N, C-alpha and C. Protein backbone atom coordinates (compact mmCIF):
# COMPACT_ATOMS: atom_id res chain seq x y z
N MET A 1 3.16 6.03 -23.59
CA MET A 1 1.95 6.00 -22.81
C MET A 1 2.34 5.86 -21.33
N ASN A 2 1.76 6.72 -20.52
CA ASN A 2 2.07 6.75 -19.10
C ASN A 2 0.97 6.01 -18.34
N VAL A 3 1.35 5.06 -17.49
CA VAL A 3 0.38 4.28 -16.72
C VAL A 3 0.50 4.68 -15.26
N ASN A 4 -0.61 5.06 -14.65
CA ASN A 4 -0.63 5.46 -13.25
C ASN A 4 -1.42 4.44 -12.45
N ARG A 5 -1.04 4.28 -11.21
CA ARG A 5 -1.77 3.38 -10.30
C ARG A 5 -2.72 4.19 -9.45
N VAL A 6 -3.91 3.64 -9.24
CA VAL A 6 -4.92 4.27 -8.41
C VAL A 6 -5.47 3.22 -7.46
N CYS A 7 -5.70 3.61 -6.21
CA CYS A 7 -6.26 2.70 -5.22
C CYS A 7 -7.66 2.28 -5.64
N PHE A 8 -7.94 1.00 -5.55
CA PHE A 8 -9.25 0.47 -5.94
C PHE A 8 -10.33 0.89 -4.97
N ASN A 9 -9.99 1.08 -3.70
CA ASN A 9 -10.99 1.43 -2.68
C ASN A 9 -11.30 2.92 -2.63
N CYS A 10 -10.27 3.76 -2.52
CA CYS A 10 -10.51 5.19 -2.29
C CYS A 10 -10.16 6.07 -3.47
N GLY A 11 -9.45 5.57 -4.47
CA GLY A 11 -9.10 6.36 -5.64
C GLY A 11 -7.86 7.21 -5.47
N ASN A 12 -7.15 7.06 -4.38
CA ASN A 12 -5.95 7.82 -4.11
C ASN A 12 -4.81 7.32 -5.00
N SER A 13 -3.93 8.22 -5.42
CA SER A 13 -2.82 7.82 -6.28
C SER A 13 -1.47 7.84 -5.56
N SER A 14 -1.49 7.94 -4.25
CA SER A 14 -0.26 7.97 -3.47
C SER A 14 -0.07 6.62 -2.76
N PHE A 15 1.07 5.97 -3.02
CA PHE A 15 1.35 4.66 -2.45
C PHE A 15 2.67 4.69 -1.70
N VAL A 16 2.78 3.83 -0.71
CA VAL A 16 4.01 3.68 0.05
C VAL A 16 4.34 2.20 0.16
N SER A 17 5.59 1.93 0.45
CA SER A 17 6.04 0.56 0.65
C SER A 17 5.99 0.27 2.15
N ASP A 18 5.14 -0.67 2.54
CA ASP A 18 4.96 -0.99 3.96
C ASP A 18 6.05 -1.98 4.38
N ARG A 19 6.90 -1.57 5.29
CA ARG A 19 8.02 -2.39 5.71
C ARG A 19 7.57 -3.59 6.54
N SER A 20 6.46 -3.46 7.26
CA SER A 20 5.99 -4.57 8.09
C SER A 20 5.39 -5.69 7.25
N LEU A 21 5.02 -5.41 6.02
CA LEU A 21 4.47 -6.43 5.12
C LEU A 21 5.51 -6.91 4.11
N GLY A 22 6.75 -6.67 4.40
CA GLY A 22 7.82 -7.14 3.51
C GLY A 22 7.98 -6.30 2.26
N GLY A 23 7.66 -5.01 2.34
CA GLY A 23 7.83 -4.11 1.22
C GLY A 23 6.66 -4.08 0.26
N LYS A 24 5.54 -4.63 0.68
CA LYS A 24 4.36 -4.64 -0.18
C LYS A 24 3.84 -3.22 -0.36
N ILE A 25 3.41 -2.87 -1.57
CA ILE A 25 2.91 -1.54 -1.88
C ILE A 25 1.48 -1.41 -1.35
N VAL A 26 1.23 -0.37 -0.54
CA VAL A 26 -0.09 -0.12 0.02
C VAL A 26 -0.45 1.35 -0.19
N CYS A 27 -1.75 1.63 -0.17
CA CYS A 27 -2.25 3.00 -0.29
C CYS A 27 -1.89 3.79 0.96
N SER A 28 -1.44 5.02 0.79
CA SER A 28 -1.07 5.82 1.95
C SER A 28 -2.29 6.40 2.66
N LYS A 29 -3.44 6.41 2.01
CA LYS A 29 -4.65 6.97 2.63
C LYS A 29 -5.44 5.92 3.40
N CYS A 30 -5.74 4.78 2.75
CA CYS A 30 -6.61 3.79 3.40
C CYS A 30 -5.87 2.51 3.79
N GLY A 31 -4.65 2.29 3.31
CA GLY A 31 -3.88 1.11 3.68
C GLY A 31 -4.20 -0.12 2.87
N SER A 32 -5.01 0.00 1.84
CA SER A 32 -5.37 -1.14 1.01
C SER A 32 -4.23 -1.50 0.07
N SER A 33 -4.11 -2.79 -0.24
CA SER A 33 -3.07 -3.22 -1.17
C SER A 33 -3.63 -3.53 -2.55
N SER A 34 -4.90 -3.25 -2.77
CA SER A 34 -5.48 -3.48 -4.10
C SER A 34 -5.50 -2.17 -4.87
N PHE A 35 -5.01 -2.21 -6.09
CA PHE A 35 -4.97 -1.03 -6.93
C PHE A 35 -5.26 -1.42 -8.36
N LYS A 36 -5.57 -0.43 -9.17
CA LYS A 36 -5.80 -0.66 -10.59
C LYS A 36 -4.97 0.33 -11.38
N ASN A 37 -4.65 -0.02 -12.59
CA ASN A 37 -3.88 0.85 -13.46
C ASN A 37 -4.83 1.71 -14.28
N THR A 38 -4.52 2.99 -14.38
CA THR A 38 -5.27 3.88 -15.24
C THR A 38 -4.33 4.40 -16.30
N SER A 39 -4.80 4.43 -17.50
CA SER A 39 -4.00 4.90 -18.60
C SER A 39 -4.30 6.37 -18.84
N SER A 40 -3.27 7.16 -19.02
CA SER A 40 -3.47 8.57 -19.32
C SER A 40 -3.30 8.81 -20.81
N SER A 41 -3.71 7.86 -21.61
CA SER A 41 -3.63 7.99 -23.05
C SER A 41 -4.46 9.18 -23.51
N PHE A 42 -4.01 9.84 -24.53
CA PHE A 42 -4.66 11.06 -25.01
C PHE A 42 -6.09 10.81 -25.46
N LEU A 43 -6.37 9.68 -26.11
CA LEU A 43 -7.72 9.40 -26.60
C LEU A 43 -8.62 8.81 -25.54
N LYS A 44 -8.06 8.23 -24.48
CA LYS A 44 -8.87 7.62 -23.44
C LYS A 44 -9.28 8.61 -22.36
N ASN A 45 -8.77 9.82 -22.45
CA ASN A 45 -9.12 10.83 -21.47
C ASN A 45 -10.55 11.28 -21.72
N LYS A 46 -11.44 11.10 -20.74
CA LYS A 46 -12.86 11.40 -20.91
C LYS A 46 -13.12 12.88 -21.13
N LYS A 47 -12.36 13.74 -20.48
CA LYS A 47 -12.57 15.17 -20.65
C LYS A 47 -12.23 15.60 -22.07
N PHE A 48 -11.15 15.07 -22.61
CA PHE A 48 -10.77 15.41 -23.97
C PHE A 48 -11.81 14.90 -24.96
N LEU A 49 -12.32 13.71 -24.76
CA LEU A 49 -13.34 13.15 -25.64
C LEU A 49 -14.61 13.99 -25.60
N PHE A 50 -15.04 14.40 -24.42
CA PHE A 50 -16.22 15.24 -24.28
C PHE A 50 -16.01 16.58 -24.98
N LEU A 51 -14.85 17.18 -24.82
CA LEU A 51 -14.53 18.45 -25.47
C LEU A 51 -14.53 18.30 -26.98
N ALA A 52 -13.99 17.20 -27.49
CA ALA A 52 -13.96 16.97 -28.93
C ALA A 52 -15.38 16.81 -29.49
N ILE A 53 -16.25 16.16 -28.76
CA ILE A 53 -17.64 15.99 -29.22
C ILE A 53 -18.35 17.34 -29.24
N VAL A 54 -18.15 18.15 -28.20
CA VAL A 54 -18.78 19.47 -28.14
C VAL A 54 -18.29 20.35 -29.29
N ILE A 55 -17.01 20.33 -29.58
CA ILE A 55 -16.47 21.12 -30.69
C ILE A 55 -17.02 20.64 -32.02
N ALA A 56 -17.11 19.32 -32.20
CA ALA A 56 -17.65 18.78 -33.45
C ALA A 56 -19.11 19.19 -33.65
N ILE A 57 -19.91 19.13 -32.58
CA ILE A 57 -21.32 19.55 -32.68
C ILE A 57 -21.40 21.05 -32.98
N PHE A 58 -20.55 21.84 -32.35
CA PHE A 58 -20.54 23.28 -32.60
C PHE A 58 -20.20 23.59 -34.06
N ILE A 59 -19.24 22.88 -34.63
CA ILE A 59 -18.86 23.08 -36.04
C ILE A 59 -19.98 22.66 -36.96
N ILE A 60 -20.68 21.59 -36.65
CA ILE A 60 -21.79 21.12 -37.49
C ILE A 60 -22.93 22.13 -37.47
N ILE A 61 -23.22 22.71 -36.32
CA ILE A 61 -24.31 23.67 -36.19
C ILE A 61 -24.00 24.94 -36.99
N ILE A 62 -22.77 25.39 -36.95
CA ILE A 62 -22.39 26.61 -37.69
C ILE A 62 -22.27 26.25 -39.14
């Protein structure tokens, strides 16, 4: 399972290490140091879940 970090404020996934803050990880777009982890798990992907529901409804109708 691959875990990606996303900025809590702007949603950007690009981070840099700020040398003036002692190497603290900050967002490269807005400069915020708060982030959240998003999981790219196959079942937690909302697009895949939506597609699976649409296919299941299509099969039931036919």
